[in-house]
N, C-alpha and C. Protein backbone atom coordinates (compact mmCIF):
# COMPACT_ATOMS: atom_id res chain seq x y z
N UNK A 1 0.82 -1.18 0.00
CA UNK A 1 0.00 0.00 0.00
C UNK A 1 0.87 1.26 0.00
N UNK A 2 1.91 1.28 0.84
CA UNK A 2 2.75 2.47 0.88
C UNK A 2 3.44 2.70 -0.46
N UNK A 3 3.84 1.62 -1.13
CA UNK A 3 4.47 1.77 -2.44
C UNK A 3 3.49 2.38 -3.44
N UNK A 4 2.23 1.99 -3.37
CA UNK A 4 1.23 2.53 -4.28
C UNK A 4 0.96 4.01 -3.98
N UNK A 5 0.93 4.38 -2.71
CA UNK A 5 0.74 5.79 -2.35
C UNK A 5 1.95 6.61 -2.81
N UNK A 6 3.14 6.06 -2.59
CA UNK A 6 4.36 6.75 -3.05
C UNK A 6 4.35 6.92 -4.56
N UNK A 7 3.97 5.87 -5.29
CA UNK A 7 3.95 5.92 -6.75
C UNK A 7 2.95 6.96 -7.26
N UNK A 8 1.86 7.15 -6.51
CA UNK A 8 0.85 8.14 -6.89
C UNK A 8 1.21 9.54 -6.42
N UNK A 9 2.32 9.67 -5.70
CA UNK A 9 2.75 10.99 -5.22
C UNK A 9 1.88 11.53 -4.11
N UNK A 10 1.27 10.65 -3.33
CA UNK A 10 0.39 11.07 -2.24
C UNK A 10 1.17 11.08 -0.94
N UNK A 11 1.31 12.25 -0.31
CA UNK A 11 2.02 12.30 0.97
C UNK A 11 1.19 11.63 2.08
N UNK A 12 1.86 10.88 2.93
CA UNK A 12 1.20 10.19 4.03
C UNK A 12 2.23 9.95 5.13
N UNK A 13 1.74 9.57 6.28
CA UNK A 13 2.61 9.12 7.36
C UNK A 13 1.89 8.02 8.11
N UNK A 14 2.54 6.89 8.28
CA UNK A 14 1.99 5.86 9.14
C UNK A 14 2.04 6.42 10.56
N UNK A 15 0.93 6.32 11.25
CA UNK A 15 0.87 6.79 12.64
C UNK A 15 0.21 5.69 13.45
N UNK A 16 -0.07 5.90 14.70
CA UNK A 16 -0.71 4.87 15.50
C UNK A 16 0.24 3.76 15.91
N UNK A 17 -0.33 2.59 16.17
CA UNK A 17 0.45 1.47 16.70
C UNK A 17 1.56 1.00 15.79
N UNK A 18 1.33 1.04 14.47
CA UNK A 18 2.40 0.62 13.55
C UNK A 18 3.56 1.60 13.57
N UNK A 19 3.29 2.86 13.76
CA UNK A 19 4.38 3.84 13.87
C UNK A 19 5.17 3.61 15.15
N UNK A 20 4.47 3.34 16.24
CA UNK A 20 5.17 3.04 17.50
C UNK A 20 6.04 1.80 17.32
N UNK A 21 5.49 0.77 16.69
CA UNK A 21 6.26 -0.46 16.46
C UNK A 21 7.48 -0.19 15.59
N UNK A 22 7.33 0.67 14.58
CA UNK A 22 8.47 0.99 13.71
C UNK A 22 9.59 1.65 14.50
N UNK A 23 9.23 2.58 15.36
CA UNK A 23 10.26 3.27 16.17
C UNK A 23 10.88 2.32 17.20
N UNK A 24 10.04 1.57 17.92
CA UNK A 24 10.56 0.68 18.96
C UNK A 24 11.44 -0.41 18.35
N UNK A 25 11.06 -0.90 17.17
CA UNK A 25 11.83 -1.99 16.56
C UNK A 25 13.26 -1.57 16.20
N UNK A 26 13.48 -0.28 16.07
CA UNK A 26 14.84 0.20 15.79
C UNK A 26 15.76 -0.03 16.98
N UNK A 27 15.17 -0.06 18.17
CA UNK A 27 15.95 -0.22 19.40
C UNK A 27 15.88 -1.66 19.92
N UNK A 28 14.63 -2.21 19.96
CA UNK A 28 14.42 -3.53 20.55
C UNK A 28 13.28 -4.23 19.81
N UNK A 29 13.59 -4.95 18.73
CA UNK A 29 12.52 -5.60 17.95
C UNK A 29 11.61 -6.49 18.78
N UNK A 30 12.14 -7.10 19.83
CA UNK A 30 11.33 -7.99 20.66
C UNK A 30 10.30 -7.23 21.49
N UNK A 31 10.46 -5.92 21.63
CA UNK A 31 9.55 -5.13 22.46
C UNK A 31 8.37 -4.55 21.68
N UNK A 32 8.27 -4.86 20.40
CA UNK A 32 7.17 -4.30 19.60
C UNK A 32 5.86 -5.03 19.88
N UNK A 33 4.78 -4.30 19.75
CA UNK A 33 3.44 -4.87 19.90
C UNK A 33 2.85 -5.07 18.51
N UNK A 34 2.20 -6.19 18.32
CA UNK A 34 1.58 -6.47 17.03
C UNK A 34 0.26 -5.71 16.89
N UNK A 35 0.06 -5.14 15.73
CA UNK A 35 -1.21 -4.52 15.40
C UNK A 35 -1.42 -4.68 13.91
N UNK A 36 -2.62 -5.07 13.52
CA UNK A 36 -2.89 -5.33 12.11
C UNK A 36 -3.52 -4.12 11.42
N UNK A 37 -4.22 -3.28 12.17
CA UNK A 37 -4.83 -2.12 11.52
C UNK A 37 -3.74 -1.08 11.25
N UNK A 38 -3.97 -0.29 10.23
CA UNK A 38 -3.00 0.72 9.83
C UNK A 38 -3.66 2.09 9.90
N UNK A 39 -3.04 3.01 10.60
CA UNK A 39 -3.51 4.38 10.66
C UNK A 39 -2.62 5.21 9.76
N UNK A 40 -3.24 5.89 8.79
CA UNK A 40 -2.49 6.73 7.86
C UNK A 40 -2.88 8.18 8.05
N UNK A 41 -1.93 9.01 8.39
CA UNK A 41 -2.13 10.45 8.46
C UNK A 41 -2.03 10.98 7.03
N UNK A 42 -3.08 11.64 6.57
CA UNK A 42 -3.14 12.14 5.20
C UNK A 42 -3.80 13.51 5.18
N UNK A 43 -3.61 14.20 4.08
CA UNK A 43 -4.29 15.49 3.89
C UNK A 43 -5.68 15.20 3.32
N UNK A 44 -6.67 15.85 3.89
CA UNK A 44 -8.05 15.61 3.49
C UNK A 44 -8.25 15.82 1.99
N UNK A 45 -7.59 16.83 1.42
CA UNK A 45 -7.81 17.11 -0.01
C UNK A 45 -7.20 16.03 -0.91
N UNK A 46 -6.40 15.11 -0.37
CA UNK A 46 -5.86 14.00 -1.15
C UNK A 46 -6.79 12.78 -1.14
N UNK A 47 -7.89 12.86 -0.43
CA UNK A 47 -8.74 11.69 -0.26
C UNK A 47 -9.25 11.11 -1.59
N UNK A 48 -9.65 11.90 -2.58
CA UNK A 48 -10.09 11.28 -3.84
C UNK A 48 -8.99 10.44 -4.50
N UNK A 49 -7.75 10.92 -4.46
CA UNK A 49 -6.64 10.16 -5.05
C UNK A 49 -6.32 8.92 -4.20
N UNK A 50 -6.45 9.06 -2.88
CA UNK A 50 -6.25 7.91 -1.99
C UNK A 50 -7.30 6.85 -2.30
N UNK A 51 -8.55 7.29 -2.50
CA UNK A 51 -9.63 6.35 -2.83
C UNK A 51 -9.31 5.57 -4.09
N UNK A 52 -8.77 6.25 -5.11
CA UNK A 52 -8.40 5.57 -6.36
C UNK A 52 -7.33 4.52 -6.10
N UNK A 53 -6.31 4.87 -5.32
CA UNK A 53 -5.23 3.93 -5.02
C UNK A 53 -5.78 2.73 -4.25
N UNK A 54 -6.56 2.99 -3.24
CA UNK A 54 -7.08 1.90 -2.40
C UNK A 54 -8.01 0.98 -3.21
N UNK A 55 -8.84 1.55 -4.06
CA UNK A 55 -9.69 0.74 -4.94
C UNK A 55 -8.84 -0.13 -5.86
N UNK A 56 -7.76 0.44 -6.40
CA UNK A 56 -6.90 -0.33 -7.31
C UNK A 56 -6.24 -1.50 -6.58
N UNK A 57 -6.11 -1.40 -5.26
CA UNK A 57 -5.52 -2.48 -4.46
C UNK A 57 -6.58 -3.46 -3.96
N UNK A 58 -7.85 -3.19 -4.30
CA UNK A 58 -8.94 -4.09 -3.91
C UNK A 58 -9.61 -3.76 -2.59
N UNK A 59 -9.27 -2.64 -1.98
CA UNK A 59 -9.87 -2.27 -0.70
C UNK A 59 -11.26 -1.65 -0.92
N UNK A 60 -12.14 -1.89 0.03
CA UNK A 60 -13.48 -1.32 0.00
C UNK A 60 -13.57 -0.18 1.02
N UNK A 61 -14.18 0.91 0.59
CA UNK A 61 -14.30 2.10 1.44
C UNK A 61 -15.54 2.00 2.34
N UNK A 62 -15.36 2.44 3.58
CA UNK A 62 -16.49 2.59 4.51
C UNK A 62 -16.34 3.95 5.18
N UNK A 63 -17.43 4.70 5.18
CA UNK A 63 -17.44 6.00 5.84
C UNK A 63 -18.03 5.84 7.23
N UNK A 64 -17.26 6.17 8.23
CA UNK A 64 -17.71 6.15 9.62
C UNK A 64 -17.93 7.58 10.07
N UNK A 65 -18.61 7.79 11.18
CA UNK A 65 -18.88 9.17 11.61
C UNK A 65 -17.65 10.06 11.74
N UNK A 66 -16.52 9.52 12.17
CA UNK A 66 -15.34 10.35 12.40
C UNK A 66 -14.18 10.06 11.48
N UNK A 67 -14.33 9.06 10.61
CA UNK A 67 -13.20 8.72 9.75
C UNK A 67 -13.64 7.90 8.56
N UNK A 68 -12.72 7.79 7.62
CA UNK A 68 -12.89 6.92 6.47
C UNK A 68 -11.99 5.72 6.71
N UNK A 69 -12.51 4.53 6.47
CA UNK A 69 -11.71 3.32 6.61
C UNK A 69 -11.77 2.54 5.30
N UNK A 70 -10.73 1.76 5.08
CA UNK A 70 -10.67 0.87 3.92
C UNK A 70 -10.47 -0.54 4.45
N UNK A 71 -11.24 -1.47 3.87
CA UNK A 71 -11.23 -2.86 4.32
C UNK A 71 -10.73 -3.73 3.18
N UNK A 72 -9.82 -4.62 3.52
CA UNK A 72 -9.30 -5.59 2.57
C UNK A 72 -10.32 -6.72 2.49
N UNK A 73 -10.97 -6.92 1.34
CA UNK A 73 -11.97 -7.99 1.25
C UNK A 73 -11.39 -9.37 1.54
N UNK A 74 -10.10 -9.56 1.32
CA UNK A 74 -9.47 -10.84 1.63
C UNK A 74 -9.30 -11.08 3.11
N UNK A 75 -9.39 -10.02 3.90
CA UNK A 75 -9.26 -10.10 5.35
C UNK A 75 -10.17 -9.03 5.96
N UNK A 76 -11.50 -9.27 5.91
CA UNK A 76 -12.46 -8.21 6.23
C UNK A 76 -12.68 -7.92 7.72
N UNK A 77 -11.73 -8.20 8.55
CA UNK A 77 -11.85 -7.92 9.98
C UNK A 77 -11.66 -6.43 10.26
N UNK A 78 -12.39 -5.91 11.22
CA UNK A 78 -12.19 -4.52 11.62
C UNK A 78 -10.80 -4.32 12.23
N UNK A 79 -10.16 -5.41 12.62
CA UNK A 79 -8.83 -5.31 13.20
C UNK A 79 -7.74 -5.15 12.15
N UNK A 80 -8.10 -5.26 10.86
CA UNK A 80 -7.10 -5.10 9.81
C UNK A 80 -7.48 -3.98 8.83
N UNK A 81 -8.26 -3.04 9.28
CA UNK A 81 -8.66 -1.91 8.45
C UNK A 81 -7.51 -0.93 8.27
N UNK A 82 -7.65 -0.11 7.25
CA UNK A 82 -6.78 1.05 7.07
C UNK A 82 -7.62 2.27 7.43
N UNK A 83 -7.20 3.01 8.44
CA UNK A 83 -7.92 4.21 8.90
C UNK A 83 -7.23 5.45 8.37
N UNK A 84 -7.99 6.34 7.77
CA UNK A 84 -7.44 7.62 7.36
C UNK A 84 -7.60 8.61 8.51
N UNK A 85 -6.52 9.25 8.88
CA UNK A 85 -6.52 10.27 9.93
C UNK A 85 -6.18 11.58 9.24
N UNK A 86 -7.05 12.56 9.38
CA UNK A 86 -6.84 13.84 8.69
C UNK A 86 -5.76 14.65 9.39
N UNK A 87 -4.83 15.12 8.62
CA UNK A 87 -3.73 15.93 9.14
C UNK A 87 -4.21 17.32 9.55
N UNK A 88 -3.54 17.87 10.55
CA UNK A 88 -3.79 19.25 11.01
C UNK A 88 -5.27 19.51 11.30
N UNK A 89 -5.88 18.57 12.00
CA UNK A 89 -7.30 18.62 12.30
C UNK A 89 -7.52 18.31 13.77
N UNK A 90 -8.51 18.95 14.34
CA UNK A 90 -8.92 18.58 15.69
C UNK A 90 -9.82 17.35 15.55
N UNK A 91 -9.28 16.20 15.86
CA UNK A 91 -9.99 14.95 15.62
C UNK A 91 -11.21 14.82 16.51
N UNK A 92 -11.09 15.25 17.74
CA UNK A 92 -12.22 15.28 18.68
C UNK A 92 -12.21 16.64 19.36
N UNK A 93 -13.38 17.17 19.66
CA UNK A 93 -13.42 18.50 20.30
C UNK A 93 -12.65 18.56 21.61
N UNK A 94 -12.55 17.45 22.31
CA UNK A 94 -11.87 17.45 23.61
C UNK A 94 -10.35 17.38 23.51
N UNK A 95 -9.81 17.12 22.33
CA UNK A 95 -8.37 16.97 22.19
C UNK A 95 -7.65 18.30 22.41
N UNK A 96 -6.49 18.22 23.03
CA UNK A 96 -5.71 19.41 23.38
C UNK A 96 -4.93 19.97 22.21
N UNK A 97 -4.72 19.18 21.18
CA UNK A 97 -3.93 19.62 20.03
C UNK A 97 -4.50 19.02 18.75
N UNK A 98 -4.20 19.65 17.64
CA UNK A 98 -4.62 19.10 16.36
C UNK A 98 -3.69 17.94 15.98
N UNK A 99 -4.12 17.17 15.02
CA UNK A 99 -3.26 16.10 14.52
C UNK A 99 -2.05 16.71 13.82
N UNK A 100 -0.97 15.95 13.73
CA UNK A 100 0.25 16.47 13.10
C UNK A 100 0.06 16.78 11.62
N UNK A 101 1.07 17.39 11.05
CA UNK A 101 1.12 17.65 9.62
C UNK A 101 1.75 16.44 8.94
N UNK A 102 1.35 16.17 7.71
CA UNK A 102 1.95 15.07 6.96
C UNK A 102 3.44 15.34 6.73
N UNK A 103 3.81 16.61 6.67
CA UNK A 103 5.22 16.96 6.47
C UNK A 103 6.09 16.58 7.66
N UNK A 104 5.49 16.15 8.76
CA UNK A 104 6.25 15.70 9.92
C UNK A 104 6.62 14.22 9.81
N UNK A 105 6.57 13.68 8.62
CA UNK A 105 6.92 12.28 8.39
C UNK A 105 8.39 12.16 8.02
N UNK A 106 8.95 11.00 8.30
CA UNK A 106 10.32 10.67 7.92
C UNK A 106 10.30 9.30 7.25
N UNK A 107 11.34 9.00 6.52
CA UNK A 107 11.45 7.69 5.88
C UNK A 107 11.86 6.65 6.92
N UNK A 108 11.08 5.57 7.00
CA UNK A 108 11.45 4.46 7.86
C UNK A 108 12.45 3.59 7.08
N UNK A 109 13.42 3.01 7.74
CA UNK A 109 14.40 2.17 7.03
C UNK A 109 13.77 1.01 6.25
N UNK A 110 12.56 0.60 6.64
CA UNK A 110 11.94 -0.54 5.96
C UNK A 110 11.14 -0.13 4.73
N UNK A 111 11.10 1.17 4.40
CA UNK A 111 10.55 1.57 3.13
C UNK A 111 9.21 2.28 3.11
N UNK A 112 8.76 2.81 4.20
CA UNK A 112 7.52 3.58 4.20
C UNK A 112 7.73 4.88 4.97
N UNK A 113 6.77 5.76 4.89
CA UNK A 113 6.84 7.04 5.62
C UNK A 113 6.17 6.85 6.98
N UNK A 114 6.83 7.29 8.02
CA UNK A 114 6.32 7.15 9.38
C UNK A 114 6.37 8.53 10.04
N UNK A 115 5.43 8.78 10.91
CA UNK A 115 5.41 10.04 11.63
C UNK A 115 6.68 10.17 12.45
N UNK A 116 7.29 11.36 12.44
CA UNK A 116 8.51 11.53 13.22
C UNK A 116 8.19 11.40 14.71
N UNK A 117 9.20 11.14 15.48
CA UNK A 117 9.00 10.80 16.89
C UNK A 117 8.31 11.89 17.70
N UNK A 118 8.75 13.16 17.64
CA UNK A 118 8.05 14.18 18.44
C UNK A 118 6.56 14.30 18.07
N UNK A 119 6.24 14.23 16.78
CA UNK A 119 4.84 14.34 16.36
C UNK A 119 4.04 13.12 16.81
N UNK A 120 4.64 11.94 16.76
CA UNK A 120 3.96 10.72 17.20
C UNK A 120 3.66 10.79 18.70
N UNK A 121 4.64 11.21 19.49
CA UNK A 121 4.43 11.33 20.94
C UNK A 121 3.33 12.36 21.22
N UNK A 122 3.39 13.47 20.52
CA UNK A 122 2.36 14.50 20.69
C UNK A 122 0.97 13.94 20.35
N UNK A 123 0.88 13.19 19.28
CA UNK A 123 -0.40 12.62 18.86
C UNK A 123 -0.92 11.62 19.90
N UNK A 124 -0.04 10.77 20.40
CA UNK A 124 -0.44 9.78 21.40
C UNK A 124 -0.87 10.43 22.71
N UNK A 125 -0.15 11.48 23.12
CA UNK A 125 -0.53 12.18 24.35
C UNK A 125 -1.80 13.00 24.17
N UNK A 126 -2.09 13.40 22.95
CA UNK A 126 -3.34 14.13 22.68
C UNK A 126 -4.52 13.18 22.81
N UNK A 127 -4.42 11.99 22.22
CA UNK A 127 -5.51 11.01 22.30
C UNK A 127 -5.66 10.49 23.72
N UNK A 128 -4.58 10.02 24.28
CA UNK A 128 -4.47 9.61 25.69
C UNK A 128 -5.44 8.52 26.12
N UNK A 129 -5.83 7.66 25.17
CA UNK A 129 -6.61 6.47 25.53
C UNK A 129 -5.68 5.48 26.21
N UNK A 130 -6.21 4.41 26.75
CA UNK A 130 -5.35 3.41 27.40
C UNK A 130 -4.24 2.93 26.46
N UNK A 131 -4.59 2.59 25.21
CA UNK A 131 -3.59 2.09 24.28
C UNK A 131 -2.55 3.16 23.96
N UNK A 132 -2.96 4.42 23.93
CA UNK A 132 -2.00 5.50 23.67
C UNK A 132 -1.00 5.64 24.81
N UNK A 133 -1.48 5.50 26.03
CA UNK A 133 -0.57 5.56 27.18
C UNK A 133 0.41 4.38 27.15
N UNK A 134 -0.07 3.20 26.77
CA UNK A 134 0.81 2.03 26.63
C UNK A 134 1.85 2.30 25.55
N UNK A 135 1.42 2.86 24.43
CA UNK A 135 2.36 3.16 23.34
C UNK A 135 3.43 4.17 23.78
N UNK A 136 3.01 5.20 24.50
CA UNK A 136 3.99 6.19 24.98
C UNK A 136 4.96 5.51 25.95
N UNK A 137 4.45 4.64 26.81
CA UNK A 137 5.33 3.92 27.74
C UNK A 137 6.31 3.03 26.96
N UNK A 138 5.86 2.42 25.88
CA UNK A 138 6.75 1.59 25.06
C UNK A 138 7.88 2.44 24.47
N UNK A 139 7.52 3.61 23.95
CA UNK A 139 8.53 4.52 23.38
C UNK A 139 9.50 4.99 24.46
N UNK A 140 8.95 5.31 25.63
CA UNK A 140 9.79 5.76 26.74
C UNK A 140 10.71 4.64 27.21
N UNK A 141 10.16 3.43 27.35
CA UNK A 141 10.96 2.31 27.84
C UNK A 141 12.06 1.91 26.86
N UNK A 142 11.85 2.20 25.58
CA UNK A 142 12.90 1.96 24.57
C UNK A 142 13.91 3.11 24.54
N UNK A 143 13.73 4.06 25.43
CA UNK A 143 14.60 5.23 25.56
C UNK A 143 14.60 6.11 24.31
N UNK A 144 13.44 6.14 23.66
CA UNK A 144 13.28 6.99 22.48
C UNK A 144 12.82 8.39 22.84
N UNK A 145 12.13 8.52 23.98
CA UNK A 145 11.64 9.84 24.40
C UNK A 145 12.70 10.44 25.32
N UNK A 146 13.45 11.37 24.77
CA UNK A 146 14.50 12.03 25.53
C UNK A 146 14.13 13.49 25.79
N UNK A 147 15.04 14.24 26.37
CA UNK A 147 14.76 15.64 26.67
C UNK A 147 14.44 16.45 25.42
N UNK A 148 15.07 16.11 24.30
CA UNK A 148 14.81 16.83 23.06
C UNK A 148 13.35 16.64 22.63
N UNK A 149 12.84 15.42 22.73
CA UNK A 149 11.44 15.16 22.38
C UNK A 149 10.53 15.84 23.40
N UNK A 150 10.83 15.71 24.67
CA UNK A 150 9.98 16.32 25.71
C UNK A 150 9.92 17.83 25.57
N UNK A 151 11.00 18.44 25.12
CA UNK A 151 11.01 19.90 24.99
C UNK A 151 10.07 20.40 23.89
N UNK A 152 9.62 19.51 23.01
CA UNK A 152 8.71 19.92 21.94
C UNK A 152 7.25 19.89 22.38
N UNK A 153 6.98 19.34 23.56
CA UNK A 153 5.60 19.17 24.01
C UNK A 153 5.06 20.42 24.69
N UNK A 154 3.81 20.79 24.35
CA UNK A 154 3.15 21.84 25.14
C UNK A 154 3.01 21.38 26.59
N UNK A 155 2.89 22.29 27.52
CA UNK A 155 2.87 21.94 28.94
C UNK A 155 1.75 20.96 29.29
N UNK A 156 0.59 21.07 28.64
CA UNK A 156 -0.53 20.17 28.94
C UNK A 156 -0.18 18.72 28.57
N UNK A 157 0.52 18.56 27.46
CA UNK A 157 0.90 17.22 27.04
C UNK A 157 2.07 16.70 27.85
N UNK A 158 2.96 17.58 28.27
CA UNK A 158 4.07 17.16 29.15
C UNK A 158 3.50 16.66 30.47
N UNK A 159 2.45 17.32 30.97
CA UNK A 159 1.81 16.87 32.22
C UNK A 159 1.23 15.46 32.03
N UNK A 160 0.66 15.20 30.87
CA UNK A 160 0.14 13.86 30.60
C UNK A 160 1.28 12.84 30.55
N UNK A 161 2.38 13.21 29.92
CA UNK A 161 3.53 12.31 29.88
C UNK A 161 3.97 11.95 31.29
N UNK A 162 4.01 12.94 32.15
CA UNK A 162 4.46 12.72 33.53
C UNK A 162 3.51 11.82 34.32
N UNK A 163 2.26 11.66 33.86
CA UNK A 163 1.28 10.80 34.53
C UNK A 163 1.48 9.32 34.20
N UNK A 164 2.20 9.04 33.14
CA UNK A 164 2.35 7.66 32.70
C UNK A 164 3.40 6.98 33.56
N UNK A 165 2.96 5.98 34.30
CA UNK A 165 3.86 5.29 35.22
C UNK A 165 4.69 4.24 34.53
N UNK A 166 5.60 3.66 35.27
CA UNK A 166 6.42 2.57 34.75
C UNK A 166 5.55 1.35 34.55
N UNK A 167 5.86 0.59 33.53
CA UNK A 167 5.09 -0.63 33.24
C UNK A 167 5.18 -1.62 34.41
N UNK A 168 6.29 -1.57 35.16
CA UNK A 168 6.47 -2.52 36.26
C UNK A 168 5.81 -2.08 37.56
N UNK A 169 5.27 -0.87 37.61
CA UNK A 169 4.69 -0.37 38.86
C UNK A 169 3.56 -1.22 39.38
N UNK A 170 2.75 -1.75 38.45
CA UNK A 170 1.55 -2.50 38.86
C UNK A 170 1.80 -3.98 39.03
N UNK A 171 3.03 -4.41 38.81
CA UNK A 171 3.34 -5.84 38.92
C UNK A 171 3.63 -6.18 40.37
N UNK A 172 2.94 -7.18 40.85
CA UNK A 172 3.18 -7.65 42.21
C UNK A 172 4.36 -8.60 42.17
N UNK A 173 5.48 -8.15 42.70
CA UNK A 173 6.70 -8.94 42.62
C UNK A 173 6.70 -10.11 43.56
N UNK A 174 5.72 -10.24 44.44
CA UNK A 174 5.67 -11.37 45.36
C UNK A 174 5.05 -12.60 44.71
N UNK A 175 4.45 -12.44 43.52
CA UNK A 175 3.82 -13.60 42.89
C UNK A 175 4.74 -14.36 41.99
C-alpha cells in the first residue's frame, strides 16, 4: 500500500500502533506490539486520489462518523482496516492539540513514511486512551523519548507524559 501511495505521489505518514512499532523496533525488535490495523495520516484534499489507489488495491471504502476506513476484502476484519486520519485537524473536540502535519513524516528504514517521533508522541498524548498511554510507555521504555522530544511538548501534554507510570509499577513482585 505504501508503495502505491508513493507511486501516486500522495504524501502520508503511518501513525498509531504501527508507527510506534516501527520506532521501537529500531531499538528492541522484541519489544514491539503487534497490530494489524494501519492508521495513515493524510491530507483531506488528497482523499479522492487515496480512494483511487485503495480501490486499485482491492480495498473497500467505509465511511464512519469520524473517519474513512478501507477494508481488505481478503481479510475483512475490523482489526485489519486502514484508517485515514486527517492531518492538522482537531480529531475530537476534547483533544488538546490538532493532529500532526503530513510533512512531519520521515522515511522508515523498511521503506515507508512514518510520523517523526516528536509528532507521534504528541499525537499519542493528545488522544491519551489506554492504548495511547501504553504506546507512549513503550517509546519511553525503549529510551526513544529524551529531553529533546519532551522539549517539543506543550505543557498540557508534558503533564500527561508525567502521569504515565512505569510498566512494572503494577506488577506484584511477590507472585
